[in-house]
Full PDB file with SEQRES, HELIX, SHEET, SSBOND, CRYST1, ORIGX, SCALE, CONECT and MASTER records, all heavy atoms in Angstrom:
SEQRES   1 A   37  PHE ARG GLN ALA PRO GLY LYS GLU ARG GLU PHE VAL ALA          
SEQRES   2 A   37  ALA SER ARG TRP SER GLY TYR ASN PRO VAL TYR GLY ASP          
SEQRES   3 A   37  SER VAL LYS GLY ARG PHE THR ILE SER ARG ASP                  
SHEET    1 AA1 2 ALA A  13  ALA A  14  0                                        
SHEET    2 AA1 2 VAL A  23  TYR A  24 -1                                        
CRYST1    1.000    1.000    1.000  90.00  90.00  90.00 P 1           1          
ORIGX1      1.000000  0.000000  0.000000        0.00000                         
ORIGX2      0.000000  1.000000  0.000000        0.00000                         
ORIGX3      0.000000  0.000000  1.000000        0.00000                         
SCALE1      1.000000  0.000000  0.000000        0.00000                         
SCALE2      0.000000  1.000000  0.000000        0.00000                         
SCALE3      0.000000  0.000000  1.000000        0.00000                         
ATOM      1  N   PHE A   1     101.839  54.430 146.014  1.00  0.00           N  
ATOM      2  CA  PHE A   1     102.118  55.372 147.097  1.00  0.00           C  
ATOM      3  C   PHE A   1     103.604  55.289 147.392  1.00  0.00           C  
ATOM      4  O   PHE A   1     104.293  54.361 146.979  1.00  0.00           O  
ATOM      5  CB  PHE A   1     101.306  55.007 148.344  1.00  0.00           C  
ATOM      6  CG  PHE A   1      99.825  55.222 148.207  1.00  0.00           C  
ATOM      7  CD1 PHE A   1      99.018  54.279 147.571  1.00  0.00           C  
ATOM      8  CD2 PHE A   1      99.225  56.362 148.712  1.00  0.00           C  
ATOM      9  CE1 PHE A   1      97.656  54.481 147.437  1.00  0.00           C  
ATOM     10  CE2 PHE A   1      97.859  56.566 148.593  1.00  0.00           C  
ATOM     11  CZ  PHE A   1      97.080  55.632 147.955  1.00  0.00           C  
ATOM     12  N   ARG A   2     104.097  56.246 148.135  1.00  0.00           N  
ATOM     13  CA  ARG A   2     105.499  56.208 148.542  1.00  0.00           C  
ATOM     14  C   ARG A   2     105.651  56.754 149.940  1.00  0.00           C  
ATOM     15  O   ARG A   2     104.814  57.518 150.425  1.00  0.00           O  
ATOM     16  CB  ARG A   2     106.374  56.985 147.559  1.00  0.00           C  
ATOM     17  CG  ARG A   2     106.149  58.490 147.557  1.00  0.00           C  
ATOM     18  CD  ARG A   2     106.963  59.137 146.445  1.00  0.00           C  
ATOM     19  NE  ARG A   2     106.834  60.593 146.459  1.00  0.00           N  
ATOM     20  CZ  ARG A   2     107.347  61.401 145.531  1.00  0.00           C  
ATOM     21  NH1 ARG A   2     108.037  60.882 144.503  1.00  0.00           N  
ATOM     22  NH2 ARG A   2     107.187  62.700 145.615  1.00  0.00           N  
ATOM     23  N   GLN A   3     106.730  56.336 150.575  1.00  0.00           N  
ATOM     24  CA  GLN A   3     107.023  56.832 151.918  1.00  0.00           C  
ATOM     25  C   GLN A   3     108.524  56.996 152.079  1.00  0.00           C  
ATOM     26  O   GLN A   3     109.290  56.036 151.911  1.00  0.00           O  
ATOM     27  CB  GLN A   3     106.474  55.890 152.991  1.00  0.00           C  
ATOM     28  CG  GLN A   3     106.566  56.454 154.389  1.00  0.00           C  
ATOM     29  CD  GLN A   3     105.697  55.715 155.381  1.00  0.00           C  
ATOM     30  OE1 GLN A   3     105.282  54.583 155.155  1.00  0.00           O  
ATOM     31  NE2 GLN A   3     105.400  56.355 156.492  1.00  0.00           N  
ATOM     32  N   ALA A   4     108.918  58.217 152.385  1.00  0.00           N  
ATOM     33  CA  ALA A   4     110.316  58.537 152.651  1.00  0.00           C  
ATOM     34  C   ALA A   4     110.568  58.459 154.154  1.00  0.00           C  
ATOM     35  O   ALA A   4     109.633  58.609 154.950  1.00  0.00           O  
ATOM     36  CB  ALA A   4     110.644  59.913 152.115  1.00  0.00           C  
ATOM     37  N   PRO A   5     111.818  58.250 154.563  1.00  0.00           N  
ATOM     38  CA  PRO A   5     112.126  58.172 155.997  1.00  0.00           C  
ATOM     39  C   PRO A   5     111.669  59.421 156.741  1.00  0.00           C  
ATOM     40  O   PRO A   5     111.938  60.548 156.319  1.00  0.00           O  
ATOM     41  CB  PRO A   5     113.647  58.045 156.005  1.00  0.00           C  
ATOM     42  CG  PRO A   5     113.998  57.445 154.699  1.00  0.00           C  
ATOM     43  CD  PRO A   5     113.008  58.001 153.728  1.00  0.00           C  
ATOM     44  N   GLY A   6     110.959  59.214 157.824  1.00  0.00           N  
ATOM     45  CA  GLY A   6     110.509  60.323 158.647  1.00  0.00           C  
ATOM     46  C   GLY A   6     109.328  61.097 158.097  1.00  0.00           C  
ATOM     47  O   GLY A   6     108.930  62.115 158.679  1.00  0.00           O  
ATOM     48  N   LYS A   7     108.761  60.609 156.984  1.00  0.00           N  
ATOM     49  CA  LYS A   7     107.640  61.322 156.367  1.00  0.00           C  
ATOM     50  C   LYS A   7     106.421  60.414 156.288  1.00  0.00           C  
ATOM     51  O   LYS A   7     106.522  59.196 156.363  1.00  0.00           O  
ATOM     52  CB  LYS A   7     108.018  61.814 154.975  1.00  0.00           C  
ATOM     53  CG  LYS A   7     109.108  62.867 154.975  1.00  0.00           C  
ATOM     54  CD  LYS A   7     109.304  63.444 153.581  1.00  0.00           C  
ATOM     55  CE  LYS A   7     110.333  64.557 153.589  1.00  0.00           C  
ATOM     56  NZ  LYS A   7     110.515  65.151 152.230  1.00  0.00           N  
ATOM     57  N   GLU A   8     105.275  61.045 156.100  1.00  0.00           N  
ATOM     58  CA  GLU A   8     104.042  60.282 155.953  1.00  0.00           C  
ATOM     59  C   GLU A   8     103.951  59.673 154.555  1.00  0.00           C  
ATOM     60  O   GLU A   8     104.577  60.150 153.605  1.00  0.00           O  
ATOM     61  CB  GLU A   8     102.842  61.184 156.219  1.00  0.00           C  
ATOM     62  CG  GLU A   8     102.749  61.681 157.650  1.00  0.00           C  
ATOM     63  CD  GLU A   8     101.468  62.457 157.901  1.00  0.00           C  
ATOM     64  OE1 GLU A   8     100.720  62.718 156.942  1.00  0.00           O  
ATOM     65  OE2 GLU A   8     101.218  62.801 159.067  1.00  0.00           O  
ATOM     66  N   ARG A   9     103.130  58.652 154.469  1.00  0.00           N  
ATOM     67  CA  ARG A   9     102.896  58.035 153.171  1.00  0.00           C  
ATOM     68  C   ARG A   9     102.241  59.041 152.239  1.00  0.00           C  
ATOM     69  O   ARG A   9     101.342  59.776 152.626  1.00  0.00           O  
ATOM     70  CB  ARG A   9     102.005  56.806 153.339  1.00  0.00           C  
ATOM     71  CG  ARG A   9     101.722  56.025 152.074  1.00  0.00           C  
ATOM     72  CD  ARG A   9     101.042  54.722 152.425  1.00  0.00           C  
ATOM     73  NE  ARG A   9      99.962  54.897 153.370  1.00  0.00           N  
ATOM     74  CZ  ARG A   9      99.316  53.908 153.970  1.00  0.00           C  
ATOM     75  NH1 ARG A   9      99.664  52.647 153.714  1.00  0.00           N  
ATOM     76  NH2 ARG A   9      98.331  54.144 154.811  1.00  0.00           N  
ATOM     77  N   GLU A  10     102.685  59.057 151.003  1.00  0.00           N  
ATOM     78  CA  GLU A  10     102.243  60.053 150.032  1.00  0.00           C  
ATOM     79  C   GLU A  10     101.657  59.359 148.805  1.00  0.00           C  
ATOM     80  O   GLU A  10     102.219  58.396 148.284  1.00  0.00           O  
ATOM     81  CB  GLU A  10     103.431  60.922 149.598  1.00  0.00           C  
ATOM     82  CG  GLU A  10     103.112  61.962 148.540  1.00  0.00           C  
ATOM     83  CD  GLU A  10     104.351  62.687 148.031  1.00  0.00           C  
ATOM     84  OE1 GLU A  10     105.472  62.247 148.340  1.00  0.00           O  
ATOM     85  OE2 GLU A  10     104.189  63.693 147.309  1.00  0.00           O  
ATOM     86  N   PHE A  11     100.549  59.886 148.336  1.00  0.00           N  
ATOM     87  CA  PHE A  11      99.934  59.355 147.122  1.00  0.00           C  
ATOM     88  C   PHE A  11     100.765  59.754 145.901  1.00  0.00           C  
ATOM     89  O   PHE A  11     101.191  60.909 145.777  1.00  0.00           O  
ATOM     90  CB  PHE A  11      98.513  59.901 146.980  1.00  0.00           C  
ATOM     91  CG  PHE A  11      97.886  59.631 145.638  1.00  0.00           C  
ATOM     92  CD1 PHE A  11      97.576  58.335 145.252  1.00  0.00           C  
ATOM     93  CD2 PHE A  11      97.622  60.675 144.769  1.00  0.00           C  
ATOM     94  CE1 PHE A  11      96.998  58.084 144.030  1.00  0.00           C  
ATOM     95  CE2 PHE A  11      97.045  60.435 143.536  1.00  0.00           C  
ATOM     96  CZ  PHE A  11      96.738  59.136 143.168  1.00  0.00           C  
ATOM     97  N   VAL A  12     100.970  58.787 144.999  1.00  0.00           N  
ATOM     98  CA  VAL A  12     101.735  59.044 143.785  1.00  0.00           C  
ATOM     99  C   VAL A  12     100.837  59.023 142.541  1.00  0.00           C  
ATOM    100  O   VAL A  12     100.779  59.988 141.791  1.00  0.00           O  
ATOM    101  CB  VAL A  12     102.875  58.020 143.626  1.00  0.00           C  
ATOM    102  CG1 VAL A  12     103.619  58.222 142.306  1.00  0.00           C  
ATOM    103  CG2 VAL A  12     103.835  58.103 144.804  1.00  0.00           C  
ATOM    104  N   ALA A  13     100.153  57.898 142.327  1.00  0.00           N  
ATOM    105  CA  ALA A  13      99.343  57.764 141.111  1.00  0.00           C  
ATOM    106  C   ALA A  13      98.348  56.617 141.292  1.00  0.00           C  
ATOM    107  O   ALA A  13      98.596  55.703 142.076  1.00  0.00           O  
ATOM    108  CB  ALA A  13     100.218  57.489 139.899  1.00  0.00           C  
ATOM    109  N   ALA A  14      97.233  56.691 140.545  1.00  0.00           N  
ATOM    110  CA  ALA A  14      96.225  55.636 140.624  1.00  0.00           C  
ATOM    111  C   ALA A  14      95.482  55.524 139.311  1.00  0.00           C  
ATOM    112  O   ALA A  14      95.342  56.501 138.562  1.00  0.00           O  
ATOM    113  CB  ALA A  14      95.244  55.902 141.762  1.00  0.00           C  
ATOM    114  N   SER A  15      94.994  54.311 139.087  1.00  0.00           N  
ATOM    115  CA  SER A  15      94.263  54.017 137.859  1.00  0.00           C  
ATOM    116  C   SER A  15      93.059  53.151 138.203  1.00  0.00           C  
ATOM    117  O   SER A  15      93.194  52.139 138.884  1.00  0.00           O  
ATOM    118  CB  SER A  15      95.182  53.271 136.885  1.00  0.00           C  
ATOM    119  OG  SER A  15      94.435  52.696 135.824  1.00  0.00           O  
ATOM    120  N   ARG A  16      91.898  53.527 137.714  1.00  0.00           N  
ATOM    121  CA  ARG A  16      90.733  52.654 137.828  1.00  0.00           C  
ATOM    122  C   ARG A  16      90.854  51.531 136.809  1.00  0.00           C  
ATOM    123  O   ARG A  16      91.794  51.501 136.010  1.00  0.00           O  
ATOM    124  CB  ARG A  16      89.455  53.448 137.631  1.00  0.00           C  
ATOM    125  CG  ARG A  16      89.242  54.506 138.703  1.00  0.00           C  
ATOM    126  CD  ARG A  16      87.952  55.249 138.516  1.00  0.00           C  
ATOM    127  NE  ARG A  16      86.815  54.399 138.859  1.00  0.00           N  
ATOM    128  CZ  ARG A  16      85.575  54.671 138.481  1.00  0.00           C  
ATOM    129  NH1 ARG A  16      85.307  55.728 137.740  1.00  0.00           N  
ATOM    130  NH2 ARG A  16      84.587  53.880 138.849  1.00  0.00           N  
ATOM    131  N   TRP A  17      89.889  50.630 136.813  1.00  0.00           N  
ATOM    132  CA  TRP A  17      90.004  49.395 136.033  1.00  0.00           C  
ATOM    133  C   TRP A  17      90.237  49.659 134.548  1.00  0.00           C  
ATOM    134  O   TRP A  17      90.963  48.931 133.875  1.00  0.00           O  
ATOM    135  CB  TRP A  17      88.750  48.548 136.212  1.00  0.00           C  
ATOM    136  CG  TRP A  17      87.523  49.179 135.636  1.00  0.00           C  
ATOM    137  CD1 TRP A  17      86.667  50.044 136.247  1.00  0.00           C  
ATOM    138  CD2 TRP A  17      87.020  49.004 134.297  1.00  0.00           C  
ATOM    139  NE1 TRP A  17      85.672  50.426 135.389  1.00  0.00           N  
ATOM    140  CE2 TRP A  17      85.857  49.803 134.191  1.00  0.00           C  
ATOM    141  CE3 TRP A  17      87.432  48.257 133.208  1.00  0.00           C  
ATOM    142  CZ2 TRP A  17      85.115  49.862 133.019  1.00  0.00           C  
ATOM    143  CZ3 TRP A  17      86.691  48.318 132.035  1.00  0.00           C  
ATOM    144  CH2 TRP A  17      85.545  49.121 131.952  1.00  0.00           C  
ATOM    145  N   SER A  18      89.679  50.706 134.022  1.00  0.00           N  
ATOM    146  CA  SER A  18      89.782  50.959 132.589  1.00  0.00           C  
ATOM    147  C   SER A  18      91.114  51.581 132.189  1.00  0.00           C  
ATOM    148  O   SER A  18      91.490  51.575 131.018  1.00  0.00           O  
ATOM    149  CB  SER A  18      88.654  51.897 132.150  1.00  0.00           C  
ATOM    150  OG  SER A  18      88.838  53.179 132.733  1.00  0.00           O  
ATOM    151  N   GLY A  19      91.815  52.168 133.171  1.00  0.00           N  
ATOM    152  CA  GLY A  19      93.025  52.891 132.851  1.00  0.00           C  
ATOM    153  C   GLY A  19      92.769  54.305 132.352  1.00  0.00           C  
ATOM    154  O   GLY A  19      93.704  55.078 132.148  1.00  0.00           O  
ATOM    155  N   TYR A  20      91.504  54.632 132.208  1.00  0.00           N  
ATOM    156  CA  TYR A  20      91.136  55.953 131.682  1.00  0.00           C  
ATOM    157  C   TYR A  20      91.234  57.000 132.780  1.00  0.00           C  
ATOM    158  O   TYR A  20      90.850  56.775 133.912  1.00  0.00           O  
ATOM    159  CB  TYR A  20      89.703  55.909 131.134  1.00  0.00           C  
ATOM    160  CG  TYR A  20      89.174  57.242 130.681  1.00  0.00           C  
ATOM    161  CD1 TYR A  20      89.616  57.816 129.500  1.00  0.00           C  
ATOM    162  CD2 TYR A  20      88.224  57.938 131.440  1.00  0.00           C  
ATOM    163  CE1 TYR A  20      89.139  59.046 129.079  1.00  0.00           C  
ATOM    164  CE2 TYR A  20      87.736  59.163 131.031  1.00  0.00           C  
ATOM    165  CZ  TYR A  20      88.197  59.713 129.849  1.00  0.00           C  
ATOM    166  OH  TYR A  20      87.717  60.927 129.436  1.00  0.00           O  
ATOM    167  N   ASN A  21      91.742  58.181 132.421  1.00  0.00           N  
ATOM    168  CA  ASN A  21      91.807  59.328 133.330  1.00  0.00           C  
ATOM    169  C   ASN A  21      92.483  58.999 134.666  1.00  0.00           C  
ATOM    170  O   ASN A  21      91.873  59.135 135.731  1.00  0.00           O  
ATOM    171  CB  ASN A  21      90.385  59.860 133.584  1.00  0.00           C  
ATOM    172  CG  ASN A  21      90.390  61.270 134.148  1.00  0.00           C  
ATOM    173  OD1 ASN A  21      91.400  61.979 134.040  1.00  0.00           O  
ATOM    174  ND2 ASN A  21      89.299  61.659 134.766  1.00  0.00           N  
ATOM    175  N   PRO A  22      93.734  58.611 134.635  1.00  0.00           N  
ATOM    176  CA  PRO A  22      94.438  58.328 135.889  1.00  0.00           C  
ATOM    177  C   PRO A  22      94.628  59.596 136.712  1.00  0.00           C  
ATOM    178  O   PRO A  22      94.502  60.719 136.208  1.00  0.00           O  
ATOM    179  CB  PRO A  22      95.778  57.772 135.417  1.00  0.00           C  
ATOM    180  CG  PRO A  22      95.986  58.369 134.071  1.00  0.00           C  
ATOM    181  CD  PRO A  22      94.618  58.475 133.460  1.00  0.00           C  
ATOM    182  N   VAL A  23      94.938  59.399 137.964  1.00  0.00           N  
ATOM    183  CA  VAL A  23      95.106  60.504 138.909  1.00  0.00           C  
ATOM    184  C   VAL A  23      96.545  60.509 139.419  1.00  0.00           C  
ATOM    185  O   VAL A  23      97.125  59.436 139.649  1.00  0.00           O  
ATOM    186  CB  VAL A  23      94.129  60.355 140.092  1.00  0.00           C  
ATOM    187  CG1 VAL A  23      94.316  61.482 141.083  1.00  0.00           C  
ATOM    188  CG2 VAL A  23      92.692  60.325 139.587  1.00  0.00           C  
ATOM    189  N   TYR A  24      97.095  61.710 139.626  1.00  0.00           N  
ATOM    190  CA  TYR A  24      98.475  61.848 140.070  1.00  0.00           C  
ATOM    191  C   TYR A  24      98.577  62.797 141.257  1.00  0.00           C  
ATOM    192  O   TYR A  24      97.801  63.752 141.377  1.00  0.00           O  
ATOM    193  CB  TYR A  24      99.361  62.376 138.943  1.00  0.00           C  
ATOM    194  CG  TYR A  24      99.460  61.429 137.774  1.00  0.00           C  
ATOM    195  CD1 TYR A  24      98.608  61.547 136.683  1.00  0.00           C  
ATOM    196  CD2 TYR A  24     100.397  60.394 137.777  1.00  0.00           C  
ATOM    197  CE1 TYR A  24      98.675  60.657 135.620  1.00  0.00           C  
ATOM    198  CE2 TYR A  24     100.478  59.503 136.714  1.00  0.00           C  
ATOM    199  CZ  TYR A  24      99.624  59.645 135.643  1.00  0.00           C  
ATOM    200  OH  TYR A  24      99.702  58.764 134.595  1.00  0.00           O  
ATOM    201  N   GLY A  25      99.566  62.528 142.108  1.00  0.00           N  
ATOM    202  CA  GLY A  25      99.882  63.476 143.156  1.00  0.00           C  
ATOM    203  C   GLY A  25     100.528  64.718 142.550  1.00  0.00           C  
ATOM    204  O   GLY A  25     101.180  64.643 141.515  1.00  0.00           O  
ATOM    205  N   ASP A  26     100.368  65.830 143.220  1.00  0.00           N  
ATOM    206  CA  ASP A  26     100.850  67.100 142.677  1.00  0.00           C  
ATOM    207  C   ASP A  26     102.355  67.094 142.436  1.00  0.00           C  
ATOM    208  O   ASP A  26     102.837  67.694 141.471  1.00  0.00           O  
ATOM    209  CB  ASP A  26     100.488  68.241 143.631  1.00  0.00           C  
ATOM    210  CG  ASP A  26      99.007  68.547 143.640  1.00  0.00           C  
ATOM    211  OD1 ASP A  26      98.303  68.141 142.683  1.00  0.00           O  
ATOM    212  OD2 ASP A  26      98.541  69.186 144.609  1.00  0.00           O  
ATOM    213  N   SER A  27     103.094  66.414 143.291  1.00  0.00           N  
ATOM    214  CA  SER A  27     104.553  66.471 143.189  1.00  0.00           C  
ATOM    215  C   SER A  27     105.110  65.652 142.019  1.00  0.00           C  
ATOM    216  O   SER A  27     106.288  65.796 141.684  1.00  0.00           O  
ATOM    217  CB  SER A  27     105.181  65.974 144.494  1.00  0.00           C  
ATOM    218  OG  SER A  27     104.822  64.632 144.737  1.00  0.00           O  
ATOM    219  N   VAL A  28     104.285  64.813 141.389  1.00  0.00           N  
ATOM    220  CA  VAL A  28     104.784  63.964 140.300  1.00  0.00           C  
ATOM    221  C   VAL A  28     104.098  64.233 138.966  1.00  0.00           C  
ATOM    222  O   VAL A  28     104.459  63.636 137.952  1.00  0.00           O  
ATOM    223  CB  VAL A  28     104.649  62.467 140.647  1.00  0.00           C  
ATOM    224  CG1 VAL A  28     105.321  62.159 141.978  1.00  0.00           C  
ATOM    225  CG2 VAL A  28     103.187  62.022 140.656  1.00  0.00           C  
ATOM    226  N   LYS A  29     103.133  65.115 138.957  1.00  0.00           N  
ATOM    227  CA  LYS A  29     102.419  65.414 137.716  1.00  0.00           C  
ATOM    228  C   LYS A  29     103.376  65.884 136.628  1.00  0.00           C  
ATOM    229  O   LYS A  29     104.247  66.701 136.864  1.00  0.00           O  
ATOM    230  CB  LYS A  29     101.358  66.481 137.964  1.00  0.00           C  
ATOM    231  CG  LYS A  29     100.121  65.980 138.658  1.00  0.00           C  
ATOM    232  CD  LYS A  29      99.108  67.103 138.878  1.00  0.00           C  
ATOM    233  CE  LYS A  29      97.875  66.591 139.598  1.00  0.00           C  
ATOM    234  NZ  LYS A  29      96.912  67.693 139.887  1.00  0.00           N  
ATOM    235  N   GLY A  30     103.193  65.321 135.445  1.00  0.00           N  
ATOM    236  CA  GLY A  30     104.034  65.688 134.320  1.00  0.00           C  
ATOM    237  C   GLY A  30     105.344  64.922 134.239  1.00  0.00           C  
ATOM    238  O   GLY A  30     106.053  65.003 133.239  1.00  0.00           O  
ATOM    239  N   ARG A  31     105.675  64.170 135.298  1.00  0.00           N  
ATOM    240  CA  ARG A  31     106.931  63.406 135.309  1.00  0.00           C  
ATOM    241  C   ARG A  31     106.693  61.897 135.387  1.00  0.00           C  
ATOM    242  O   ARG A  31     107.476  61.128 134.828  1.00  0.00           O  
ATOM    243  CB  ARG A  31     107.790  63.834 136.501  1.00  0.00           C  
ATOM    244  CG  ARG A  31     108.173  65.301 136.489  1.00  0.00           C  
ATOM    245  CD  ARG A  31     109.175  65.618 137.598  1.00  0.00           C  
ATOM    246  NE  ARG A  31     108.626  65.364 138.932  1.00  0.00           N  
ATOM    247  CZ  ARG A  31     109.196  64.552 139.823  1.00  0.00           C  
ATOM    248  NH1 ARG A  31     110.307  63.898 139.517  1.00  0.00           N  
ATOM    249  NH2 ARG A  31     108.644  64.381 141.018  1.00  0.00           N  
ATOM    250  N   PHE A  32     105.651  61.507 136.079  1.00  0.00           N  
ATOM    251  CA  PHE A  32     105.350  60.087 136.267  1.00  0.00           C  
ATOM    252  C   PHE A  32     104.111  59.707 135.461  1.00  0.00           C  
ATOM    253  O   PHE A  32     103.196  60.518 135.288  1.00  0.00           O  
ATOM    254  CB  PHE A  32     105.075  59.779 137.739  1.00  0.00           C  
ATOM    255  CG  PHE A  32     106.268  59.872 138.648  1.00  0.00           C  
ATOM    256  CD1 PHE A  32     107.469  60.425 138.232  1.00  0.00           C  
ATOM    257  CD2 PHE A  32     106.186  59.389 139.947  1.00  0.00           C  
ATOM    258  CE1 PHE A  32     108.555  60.511 139.076  1.00  0.00           C  
ATOM    259  CE2 PHE A  32     107.272  59.465 140.807  1.00  0.00           C  
ATOM    260  CZ  PHE A  32     108.451  60.039 140.375  1.00  0.00           C  
ATOM    261  N   THR A  33     104.087  58.443 135.022  1.00  0.00           N  
ATOM    262  CA  THR A  33     102.944  57.931 134.279  1.00  0.00           C  
ATOM    263  C   THR A  33     102.585  56.536 134.782  1.00  0.00           C  
ATOM    264  O   THR A  33     103.453  55.659 134.836  1.00  0.00           O  
ATOM    265  CB  THR A  33     103.235  57.854 132.778  1.00  0.00           C  
ATOM    266  OG1 THR A  33     103.610  59.154 132.290  1.00  0.00           O  
ATOM    267  CG2 THR A  33     102.009  57.374 132.013  1.00  0.00           C  
ATOM    268  N   ILE A  34     101.316  56.358 135.141  1.00  0.00           N  
ATOM    269  CA  ILE A  34     100.834  55.036 135.544  1.00  0.00           C  
ATOM    270  C   ILE A  34     100.162  54.383 134.344  1.00  0.00           C  
ATOM    271  O   ILE A  34      99.461  55.045 133.570  1.00  0.00           O  
ATOM    272  CB  ILE A  34      99.872  55.130 136.752  1.00  0.00           C  
ATOM    273  CG1 ILE A  34      99.512  53.725 137.267  1.00  0.00           C  
ATOM    274  CG2 ILE A  34      98.623  55.935 136.408  1.00  0.00           C  
ATOM    275  CD1 ILE A  34      98.739  53.742 138.592  1.00  0.00           C  
ATOM    276  N   SER A  35     100.397  53.100 134.198  1.00  0.00           N  
ATOM    277  CA  SER A  35      99.739  52.348 133.130  1.00  0.00           C  
ATOM    278  C   SER A  35      99.506  50.925 133.618  1.00  0.00           C  
ATOM    279  O   SER A  35     100.060  50.521 134.639  1.00  0.00           O  
ATOM    280  CB  SER A  35     100.586  52.352 131.849  1.00  0.00           C  
ATOM    281  OG  SER A  35     101.835  51.728 132.078  1.00  0.00           O  
ATOM    282  N   ARG A  36      98.691  50.198 132.885  1.00  0.00           N  
ATOM    283  CA  ARG A  36      98.381  48.844 133.321  1.00  0.00           C  
ATOM    284  C   ARG A  36      98.205  47.935 132.128  1.00  0.00           C  
ATOM    285  O   ARG A  36      97.770  48.377 131.052  1.00  0.00           O  
ATOM    286  CB  ARG A  36      97.146  48.826 134.214  1.00  0.00           C  
ATOM    287  CG  ARG A  36      95.892  49.369 133.576  1.00  0.00           C  
ATOM    288  CD  ARG A  36      94.815  49.612 134.637  1.00  0.00           C  
ATOM    289  NE  ARG A  36      94.360  48.377 135.238  1.00  0.00           N  
ATOM    290  CZ  ARG A  36      93.699  48.313 136.397  1.00  0.00           C  
ATOM    291  NH1 ARG A  36      93.447  49.418 137.080  1.00  0.00           N  
ATOM    292  NH2 ARG A  36      93.304  47.149 136.885  1.00  0.00           N  
ATOM    293  N   ASP A  37      98.562  46.685 132.332  1.00  0.00           N  
ATOM    294  CA  ASP A  37      98.354  45.642 131.325  1.00  0.00           C  
ATOM    295  C   ASP A  37      97.473  44.594 131.987  1.00  0.00           C  
ATOM    296  O   ASP A  37      97.971  43.746 132.755  1.00  0.00           O  
ATOM    297  CB  ASP A  37      99.693  45.061 130.885  1.00  0.00           C  
ATOM    298  CG  ASP A  37      99.553  44.059 129.754  1.00  0.00           C  
ATOM    299  OD1 ASP A  37      98.446  43.495 129.588  1.00  0.00           O  
ATOM    300  OD2 ASP A  37     100.532  43.818 129.049  1.00  0.00           O  
TER     301      ASP A  37                                                      
MASTER        0    0    0    0    2    0    0    6  300    1    0    3          
END                                                                             
């Protein structure tokens, strides 16, 4: 998640345990990638 000054906390990206089919916030889709080791 992220929070800018004066703004509400915003969802960025999430991954379930398998890493399969991660979810992204609309403002970062196509630019950000979540991964896990």
